[in-house]
């Protein structure tokens, strides 16, 4: 019967009876999109009933009618442009034998955001307060965080590498659980999340270029959740190969405001003269050089580069580093001694800038003397929050940072560039430009 049914379907496809179309298998990218947007890869972090009572941690006496909006506002989350049971991007319904029904976090917590009021998958979430989100989810369940570092020292940045380094301490080379073996790492790197659509041009991953872009396993370290066993983690590799295929299809959002075409044309010539050697050229004949710029040349904050002295050794001793590349080469982590000059596709949307998110606008990238020392912003992502003149986020300058008497939730809204990991020096290559040249160059960057 099964053979007859299958043959009948095949004949219908061949002959086109009743307008039927041949059955088409989904592509890897299509499978990857479905997995990324429809599946939880980690167990719930909060039970469903506790999630609905987060308002109690906020100091409210009853659940507000606008609970969903307040949730997004408090933690820096954004509406999902896909079916997600009413949850914002980054949160997802999930179940686990030990937890029951609850809410899990997924990749889009950090790798999806909104700009000019539009939700964008693949745009780093520079509004996120990960420390508040996961910390308050623990508190509402009567728990407390035992991590030896803050997950977000500043709102909009994360300690992603520190989190991975911390979790690796509890796994042996084959990802089995063990008593923790202490390794050295910083919890003050303040990492800004790169845009996913840049992957299609790059040969390496992450700000330091420490991993090959061909590696899939290096994207899976967040699966080292204590409730995920080694077989569960390894079993996700083929799915993440599909997810990577989907990520390579992503494109940046188009600049939604008016552009001065004449000024942009002048800026293009300036870009070729001053920027293209490191950041590449654009258009149909564009080329990207994939350069790692030595720290002594780029001069930006060194905390991320030097903050994980055991990282390469620990990572390369595990299952994650046993992956092979297209030529059979081992896809292991490596120290590079610098930071990667990224492609600039969609650069207008990826503010704030530098690997630690310390520079709010492109103008300040091109004029080191204009960079703010201490500042805050609304952390909203609407059109009114975007600075179209300087290309980046509107900010408020502060004379000093709030002291320890101020709640941590409020302190994390302030970026103090005098603190570890948050320096905004270096990359002074635009200091020799005139003001007119800077603004022409910015106009061109809006077109990428």
Protein backbone atom coordinates (compact mmCIF):
# COMPACT_ATOMS: atom_id res chain seq x y z
CA UNK A 1 0.00 0.00 0.00
CA UNK A 2 2.79 2.43 0.91
CA UNK A 3 4.55 1.75 -2.41
CA UNK A 4 1.34 2.31 -4.37
CA UNK A 5 0.67 5.59 -2.50
CA UNK A 6 4.19 6.88 -3.10
CA UNK A 7 4.03 5.93 -6.79
CA UNK A 8 0.69 7.72 -7.15
CA UNK A 9 2.13 10.92 -5.69
CA UNK A 10 5.10 10.68 -8.03
CA UNK A 11 2.86 10.31 -11.06
CA UNK A 12 0.77 13.26 -9.98
CA UNK A 13 3.92 15.35 -9.76
CA UNK A 14 5.17 14.24 -13.16
CA UNK A 15 1.91 14.66 -15.05
CA UNK A 16 0.75 17.80 -13.27
CA UNK A 17 -2.74 16.44 -12.67
CA UNK A 18 -5.03 18.90 -10.86
CA UNK A 19 -2.25 21.46 -10.82
CA UNK A 20 -0.16 19.51 -8.28
CA UNK A 21 3.47 20.57 -7.89
CA UNK A 22 6.40 18.16 -7.48
CA UNK A 23 7.29 17.60 -3.84
CA UNK A 24 10.37 19.67 -3.02
CA UNK A 25 12.66 18.95 -0.15
CA UNK A 26 13.48 22.02 1.94
CA UNK A 27 16.96 23.44 1.50
CA UNK A 28 19.48 23.48 4.33
CA UNK A 29 18.82 27.20 4.79
CA UNK A 30 15.08 26.59 5.00
CA UNK A 31 15.59 23.85 7.56
CA UNK A 32 17.91 26.14 9.48
CA UNK A 33 15.39 28.96 9.58
CA UNK A 34 12.70 26.62 10.83
CA UNK A 35 14.99 25.29 13.56
CA UNK A 36 16.24 28.71 14.64
CA UNK A 37 12.78 30.26 14.82
CA UNK A 38 10.87 27.25 16.05
CA UNK A 39 12.97 25.26 18.49
CA UNK A 40 14.43 25.64 21.97
CA UNK A 41 17.96 24.19 22.26
CA UNK A 42 18.27 24.64 26.00
CA UNK A 43 15.90 23.72 28.86
CA UNK A 44 13.59 26.35 30.37
CA UNK A 45 15.28 28.90 32.61
CA UNK A 46 12.04 29.77 34.38
CA UNK A 47 8.81 27.89 35.01
CA UNK A 48 5.78 29.22 33.15
CA UNK A 49 3.88 30.16 36.30
CA UNK A 50 6.90 32.03 37.68
CA UNK A 51 7.49 33.83 34.39
CA UNK A 52 3.97 35.23 34.60
CA UNK A 53 4.81 36.58 38.08
CA UNK A 54 7.98 38.48 37.16
CA UNK A 55 6.11 41.68 37.97
CA UNK A 56 6.53 40.81 41.64
CA UNK A 57 10.31 41.16 41.28
CA UNK A 58 9.70 44.56 39.69
CA UNK A 59 8.13 45.76 42.94
CA UNK A 60 4.55 45.85 41.68
CA UNK A 61 1.53 44.77 43.71
CA UNK A 62 -0.40 43.26 40.82
CA UNK A 63 0.24 42.16 37.26
CA UNK A 64 0.02 45.18 34.96
CA UNK A 65 -2.28 45.13 31.95
CA UNK A 66 0.72 45.97 29.75
CA UNK A 67 2.91 43.19 31.18
CA UNK A 68 4.29 42.17 27.76
CA UNK A 69 5.35 45.73 26.89
CA UNK A 70 6.94 46.25 30.30
CA UNK A 71 8.80 42.96 29.95
CA UNK A 72 10.34 44.12 26.66
CA UNK A 73 11.15 47.56 28.07
CA UNK A 74 12.78 46.29 31.26
CA UNK A 75 15.04 43.72 29.64
CA UNK A 76 15.61 45.19 26.17
CA UNK A 77 13.62 42.66 24.13
CA UNK A 78 11.85 43.10 20.80
CA UNK A 79 8.66 41.87 19.10
CA UNK A 80 9.01 38.61 17.19
CA UNK A 81 8.18 38.88 13.44
CA UNK A 82 7.33 35.16 13.45
CA UNK A 83 4.90 32.99 15.46
CA UNK A 84 6.22 32.80 19.03
CA UNK A 85 3.21 32.42 21.35
CA UNK A 86 3.26 36.12 22.15
CA UNK A 87 6.83 36.05 23.47
CA UNK A 88 9.51 38.48 22.25
CA UNK A 89 12.50 37.37 20.20
CA UNK A 90 14.94 35.44 22.35
CA UNK A 91 12.35 33.81 24.60
CA UNK A 92 10.58 30.57 23.73
CA UNK A 93 8.18 28.07 25.21
CA UNK A 94 9.97 24.88 26.26
CA UNK A 95 9.57 21.78 28.37
CA UNK A 96 11.95 19.67 30.44
CA UNK A 97 11.41 16.61 32.62
CA UNK A 98 12.87 18.34 35.68
CA UNK A 99 11.35 21.77 35.08
CA UNK A 100 8.07 21.09 33.31
CA UNK A 101 6.61 23.77 31.06
CA UNK A 102 8.56 26.99 31.08
CA UNK A 103 10.32 29.68 29.11
CA UNK A 104 13.76 29.15 27.59
CA UNK A 105 16.17 31.58 25.99
CA UNK A 106 17.47 31.09 22.46
CA UNK A 107 20.03 32.53 20.05
CA UNK A 108 17.85 35.50 19.15
CA UNK A 109 18.08 36.89 22.67
CA UNK A 110 21.45 38.36 21.67
CA UNK A 111 21.31 38.00 17.88
CA UNK A 112 18.07 39.81 17.05
CA UNK A 113 17.03 43.37 17.72
CA UNK A 114 15.12 46.23 16.18
CA UNK A 115 16.18 49.40 14.41
CA UNK A 116 13.98 52.32 13.39
CA UNK A 117 11.03 50.34 14.74
CA UNK A 118 11.71 47.25 12.59
CA UNK A 119 12.57 43.86 14.13
CA UNK A 120 15.66 42.39 12.45
CA UNK A 121 16.95 38.84 12.80
CA UNK A 122 20.74 38.80 12.86
CA UNK A 123 21.20 42.29 14.29
CA UNK A 124 23.00 42.28 17.64
CA UNK A 125 20.73 43.23 20.54
CA UNK A 126 22.31 46.39 21.92
CA UNK A 127 19.35 47.01 24.25
CA UNK A 128 19.61 43.74 26.17
CA UNK A 129 20.15 43.61 29.93
CA UNK A 130 21.03 39.92 30.21
CA UNK A 131 22.01 40.24 33.87
CA UNK A 132 18.59 41.59 34.81
CA UNK A 133 16.68 39.09 32.69
CA UNK A 134 18.32 35.91 33.95
CA UNK A 135 18.91 37.26 37.44
CA UNK A 136 15.28 38.19 37.99
CA UNK A 137 14.09 34.92 36.47
CA UNK A 138 16.14 33.21 39.19
CA UNK A 139 14.82 35.46 41.95
CA UNK A 140 11.17 34.89 41.04
CA UNK A 141 11.81 31.16 41.52
CA UNK A 142 13.42 31.68 44.92
CA UNK A 143 16.93 31.15 43.55
CA UNK A 144 20.02 33.30 43.19
CA UNK A 145 22.80 33.44 40.66
CA UNK A 146 26.11 31.88 41.68
CA UNK A 147 28.09 33.08 38.70
CA UNK A 148 31.37 34.78 39.67
CA UNK A 149 30.77 37.64 37.22
CA UNK A 150 27.98 39.80 35.84
CA UNK A 151 26.44 38.61 32.59
CA UNK A 152 26.13 42.26 31.49
CA UNK A 153 28.38 44.91 32.98
CA UNK A 154 26.69 47.45 30.74
CA UNK A 155 23.28 47.16 29.15
CA UNK A 156 23.65 46.20 25.50
CA UNK A 157 26.88 44.24 26.01
CA UNK A 158 27.34 40.70 27.28
CA UNK A 159 30.04 38.56 28.82
CA UNK A 160 29.53 35.85 26.20
CA UNK A 161 33.12 34.58 26.18
CA UNK A 162 33.27 34.55 29.96
CA UNK A 163 30.05 32.54 30.11
CA UNK A 164 31.51 29.93 27.76
CA UNK A 165 34.79 29.83 29.69
CA UNK A 166 32.89 29.36 32.93
CA UNK A 167 30.80 26.48 31.57
CA UNK A 168 33.82 24.71 30.05
CA UNK A 169 35.23 24.32 33.57
CA UNK A 170 32.52 21.74 34.33
CA UNK A 171 33.16 19.51 31.26
CA UNK A 172 35.92 17.12 30.29
CA UNK A 173 37.33 16.79 26.78
CA UNK A 174 34.34 14.70 25.66
CA UNK A 175 31.84 17.11 27.33
CA UNK A 176 31.08 14.76 30.22
CA UNK A 177 30.38 16.42 33.56
CA UNK A 178 33.25 16.67 36.04
CA UNK A 179 34.28 18.52 39.15
CA UNK A 180 35.19 22.05 37.99
CA UNK A 181 38.76 22.66 36.85
CA UNK A 182 39.43 26.36 37.28
CA UNK A 183 40.63 28.38 34.31
CA UNK A 184 41.54 32.05 33.99
CA UNK A 185 39.15 34.46 32.33
CA UNK A 186 37.86 37.99 32.70
CA UNK A 187 34.29 38.99 33.37
CA UNK A 188 34.86 42.55 32.14
CA UNK A 189 35.19 42.23 28.37
CA UNK A 190 31.86 43.97 27.58
CA UNK A 191 31.31 42.32 24.20
CA UNK A 192 29.16 43.88 21.50
CA UNK A 193 27.37 41.32 19.30
CA UNK A 194 28.43 41.35 15.61
CA UNK A 195 25.73 41.20 12.94
CA UNK A 196 25.14 37.71 11.55
CA UNK A 197 24.89 38.88 7.93
CA UNK A 198 28.61 39.70 7.98
CA UNK A 199 29.49 36.00 8.19
CA UNK A 200 29.07 35.47 4.46
CA UNK A 201 32.12 37.66 3.76
CA UNK A 202 34.40 36.62 6.61
CA UNK A 203 36.90 33.80 6.93
CA UNK A 204 36.97 34.04 10.71
CA UNK A 205 34.48 34.50 13.52
CA UNK A 206 34.25 36.79 16.53
CA UNK A 207 35.96 40.12 17.17
CA UNK A 208 39.44 38.64 17.48
CA UNK A 209 39.10 36.30 14.50
CA UNK A 210 39.83 33.39 16.82
CA UNK A 211 37.72 30.77 15.01
CA UNK A 212 37.26 29.73 11.40
CA UNK A 213 34.01 30.72 9.73
CA UNK A 214 33.79 27.11 8.54
CA UNK A 215 33.36 25.93 12.13
CA UNK A 216 29.87 25.04 13.27
CA UNK A 217 30.70 23.69 16.71
CA UNK A 218 32.14 27.01 17.85
CA UNK A 219 28.59 28.41 17.53
CA UNK A 220 27.27 25.76 19.93
CA UNK A 221 29.08 26.50 23.20
CA UNK A 222 25.94 28.04 24.72
CA UNK A 223 24.51 24.50 24.72
CA UNK A 224 26.75 23.67 27.71
CA UNK A 225 23.75 24.11 29.97
CA UNK A 226 23.96 21.85 33.06
CA UNK A 227 20.77 20.09 31.92
CA UNK A 228 22.21 19.28 28.47
CA UNK A 229 24.24 16.06 28.38
CA UNK A 230 27.11 15.43 25.95
CA UNK A 231 25.03 13.34 23.55
CA UNK A 232 22.33 16.00 23.45
CA UNK A 233 24.87 18.68 22.54
CA UNK A 234 26.63 16.61 19.89
CA UNK A 235 23.31 15.58 18.39
CA UNK A 236 22.58 19.20 17.48
CA UNK A 237 25.55 19.57 15.13
CA UNK A 238 23.70 18.78 11.90
CA UNK A 239 20.92 21.17 12.88
CA UNK A 240 23.44 23.93 13.46
CA UNK A 241 24.93 23.24 10.04
CA UNK A 242 21.48 24.05 8.66
CA UNK A 243 21.21 27.12 10.89
CA UNK A 244 24.54 28.36 9.61
CA UNK A 245 23.26 27.91 6.04
CA UNK A 246 20.33 30.13 6.95
CA UNK A 247 22.55 32.76 8.55
CA UNK A 248 24.51 33.01 5.32
CA UNK A 249 21.31 34.12 3.55
CA UNK A 250 20.69 37.10 5.84
CA UNK A 251 21.04 40.62 4.47
CA UNK A 252 21.24 43.94 6.32
CA UNK A 253 18.29 46.31 6.60
CA UNK A 254 18.24 49.25 4.19
CA UNK A 255 18.79 52.72 5.64
CA UNK A 256 15.25 54.07 6.11
CA UNK A 257 15.97 57.81 6.08
CA UNK A 258 16.87 60.19 3.21
CA UNK A 259 20.43 60.05 1.85
CA UNK A 260 22.26 62.91 0.13
CA UNK A 261 23.40 61.08 -3.01
CA UNK A 262 25.86 63.79 -4.05
CA UNK A 263 27.52 63.86 -0.66
CA UNK A 264 27.57 60.04 -0.56
CA UNK A 265 29.44 59.95 -3.88
CA UNK A 266 32.13 62.19 -2.40
CA UNK A 267 32.19 59.94 0.65
CA UNK A 268 32.71 56.86 -1.51
CA UNK A 269 35.94 58.28 -2.89
CA UNK A 270 37.10 59.13 0.62
CA UNK A 271 36.24 55.60 1.74
CA UNK A 272 38.33 54.05 -1.02
CA UNK A 273 41.23 56.30 -0.05
CA UNK A 274 41.08 55.97 3.73
CA UNK A 275 39.09 52.84 4.71
CA UNK A 276 38.95 50.22 1.97
CA UNK A 277 42.37 48.73 2.67
CA UNK A 278 41.04 47.20 5.89
CA UNK A 279 37.26 47.17 5.45
CA UNK A 280 37.05 46.24 1.77
CA UNK A 281 35.08 47.62 -1.15
CA UNK A 282 31.38 47.27 -1.93
CA UNK A 283 29.07 46.72 -4.85
CA UNK A 284 29.11 44.03 -7.54
CA UNK A 285 32.93 44.01 -7.73
CA UNK A 286 33.50 44.49 -4.00
CA UNK A 287 36.20 42.58 -2.15
CA UNK A 288 36.80 42.06 1.55
CA UNK A 289 40.42 41.53 2.73
CA UNK A 290 39.58 39.78 6.05
CA UNK A 291 42.34 41.51 8.01
CA UNK A 292 43.21 41.10 11.68
CA UNK A 293 44.67 44.44 12.79
CA UNK A 294 47.39 44.13 15.46
CA UNK A 295 46.53 45.68 18.80
CA UNK A 296 49.45 48.09 18.59
CA UNK A 297 47.98 49.43 15.33
CA UNK A 298 44.29 49.55 16.16
CA UNK A 299 44.79 50.67 19.78
CA UNK A 300 41.30 49.75 21.02
CA UNK A 301 40.57 48.30 24.46
CA UNK A 302 42.69 45.18 25.02
CA UNK A 303 40.57 43.47 27.70
CA UNK A 304 38.79 41.07 25.34
CA UNK A 305 42.00 40.19 23.51
CA UNK A 306 44.00 39.40 26.66
CA UNK A 307 41.19 38.38 29.00
CA UNK A 308 41.17 34.64 28.28
CA UNK A 309 44.74 33.33 28.65
CA UNK A 310 43.50 29.74 29.03
CA UNK A 311 40.80 29.98 26.36
CA UNK A 312 42.68 28.57 23.39
CA UNK A 313 44.12 25.64 25.39
CA UNK A 314 40.81 24.73 27.05
CA UNK A 315 38.74 24.94 23.86
CA UNK A 316 41.20 23.03 21.69
CA UNK A 317 41.26 20.11 24.14
CA UNK A 318 37.52 19.42 23.72
CA UNK A 319 35.10 17.90 21.22
CA UNK A 320 34.37 21.39 19.90
CA UNK A 321 37.83 21.67 18.35
CA UNK A 322 37.84 18.22 16.71
CA UNK A 323 35.80 19.50 13.78
CA UNK A 324 37.38 19.39 10.32
CA UNK A 325 37.28 22.08 7.66
CA UNK A 326 36.62 21.72 3.91
CA UNK A 327 40.24 20.68 3.28
CA UNK A 328 40.41 18.37 6.27
CA UNK A 329 42.12 20.97 8.44
CA UNK A 330 41.45 21.07 12.18
CA UNK A 331 39.13 23.97 13.04
CA UNK A 332 40.75 25.01 16.29
CA UNK A 333 40.84 28.29 18.18
CA UNK A 334 43.85 30.51 17.70
CA UNK A 335 45.32 33.64 19.19
CA UNK A 336 45.54 36.48 16.68
CA UNK A 337 47.05 39.40 18.58
CA UNK A 338 44.49 41.86 17.28
CA UNK A 339 40.92 42.63 16.28
CA UNK A 340 39.26 41.96 12.94
CA UNK A 341 38.37 44.92 10.74
CA UNK A 342 34.80 43.85 9.91
CA UNK A 343 32.87 44.21 6.68
CA UNK A 344 30.66 47.31 6.87
CA UNK A 345 27.47 46.05 5.24
CA UNK A 346 24.58 47.55 7.21
CA UNK A 347 27.03 49.50 9.39
CA UNK A 348 24.43 52.23 9.95
CA UNK A 349 22.27 49.74 11.91
CA UNK A 350 24.96 48.24 14.12
CA UNK A 351 25.60 51.12 16.54
CA UNK A 352 27.19 51.38 19.05
CA UNK A 353 30.64 50.69 17.63
CA UNK A 354 33.91 48.95 18.49
CA UNK A 355 34.05 45.44 19.90
CA UNK A 356 32.85 46.69 23.30
CA UNK A 357 30.08 49.01 22.11
CA UNK A 358 31.85 52.04 23.57
CA UNK A 359 31.26 54.51 20.71
CA UNK A 360 27.63 55.52 20.05
CA UNK A 361 27.91 56.95 16.50
CA UNK A 362 29.91 56.69 13.29
CA UNK A 363 30.87 60.34 13.65
CA UNK A 364 32.62 59.52 16.90
CA UNK A 365 34.34 56.55 15.29
CA UNK A 366 35.81 59.02 12.78
CA UNK A 367 36.61 61.69 15.40
CA UNK A 368 38.21 60.30 18.54
CA UNK A 369 38.14 63.71 20.20
CA UNK A 370 34.33 63.69 20.13
CA UNK A 371 33.90 60.38 21.93
CA UNK A 372 31.90 60.65 25.16
CA UNK A 373 33.47 59.72 28.49
CA UNK A 374 30.31 58.78 30.39
CA UNK A 375 26.91 58.54 28.71
CA UNK A 376 23.52 56.89 28.69
CA UNK A 377 20.73 56.46 26.16
CA UNK A 378 17.10 55.48 26.06
CA UNK A 379 17.78 51.92 24.87
CA UNK A 380 14.68 52.31 22.72
CA UNK A 381 15.10 51.51 19.03
CA UNK A 382 12.49 53.65 17.28
CA UNK A 383 13.12 56.19 14.55
CA UNK A 384 13.19 59.01 17.11
CA UNK A 385 16.03 57.31 19.00
CA UNK A 386 18.32 57.24 15.97
CA UNK A 387 20.75 60.08 15.24
CA UNK A 388 20.55 60.50 11.46
CA UNK A 389 23.20 63.23 11.38
CA UNK A 390 25.94 61.31 13.17
CA UNK A 391 24.63 57.81 12.34
CA UNK A 392 24.09 55.99 15.59
CA UNK A 393 22.20 56.26 18.86
CA UNK A 394 21.21 59.52 20.47
CA UNK A 395 22.86 59.82 23.87
CA UNK A 396 22.86 61.94 26.99
CA UNK A 397 26.23 62.97 28.41
CA UNK A 398 26.80 62.55 32.15
CA UNK A 399 29.29 64.30 34.39
CA UNK A 400 29.83 61.19 36.48
CA UNK A 401 28.67 57.60 36.75
CA UNK A 402 26.09 56.61 39.38
CA UNK A 403 27.51 55.29 42.64
CA UNK A 404 26.94 51.92 44.36
CA UNK A 405 23.90 53.28 46.18
CA UNK A 406 22.03 53.37 42.85
CA UNK A 407 20.28 50.09 41.87
CA UNK A 408 22.34 47.90 39.56
CA UNK A 409 19.55 47.96 36.96
CA UNK A 410 20.05 51.73 36.67
CA UNK A 411 23.85 51.60 36.85
CA UNK A 412 23.98 49.25 33.86
CA UNK A 413 22.22 51.89 31.75
CA UNK A 414 25.33 54.08 32.01
CA UNK A 415 28.43 53.49 29.91
CA UNK A 416 31.53 54.64 31.79
CA UNK A 417 34.52 54.41 29.46
CA UNK A 418 36.95 54.75 32.39
CA UNK A 419 36.03 51.27 33.65
CA UNK A 420 37.81 47.98 32.75
CA UNK A 421 36.90 46.63 29.34
CA UNK A 422 35.06 49.80 28.34
CA UNK A 423 37.77 52.03 26.94
CA UNK A 424 36.87 53.91 23.75
CA UNK A 425 40.37 54.86 22.60
CA UNK A 426 42.13 53.72 19.45
CA UNK A 427 41.02 53.61 15.80
CA UNK A 428 42.08 57.22 15.24
CA UNK A 429 42.25 56.87 11.47
CA UNK A 430 39.51 59.46 10.93
CA UNK A 431 41.13 62.19 13.02
CA UNK A 432 42.92 63.67 10.00
CA UNK A 433 39.68 64.21 8.07
CA UNK A 434 37.92 67.56 7.91
CA UNK A 435 34.37 67.85 9.23
CA UNK A 436 33.02 68.02 5.70
CA UNK A 437 34.91 64.86 4.78
CA UNK A 438 33.61 63.02 7.87
CA UNK A 439 30.00 63.81 7.07
CA UNK A 440 30.47 62.86 3.41
CA UNK A 441 32.00 59.55 4.48
CA UNK A 442 29.11 58.93 6.91
CA UNK A 443 26.64 59.59 4.09
CA UNK A 444 28.32 56.91 2.00
CA UNK A 445 28.36 54.42 4.88
CA UNK A 446 24.57 54.78 5.13
CA UNK A 447 24.30 53.26 1.64
CA UNK A 448 26.14 50.01 2.49
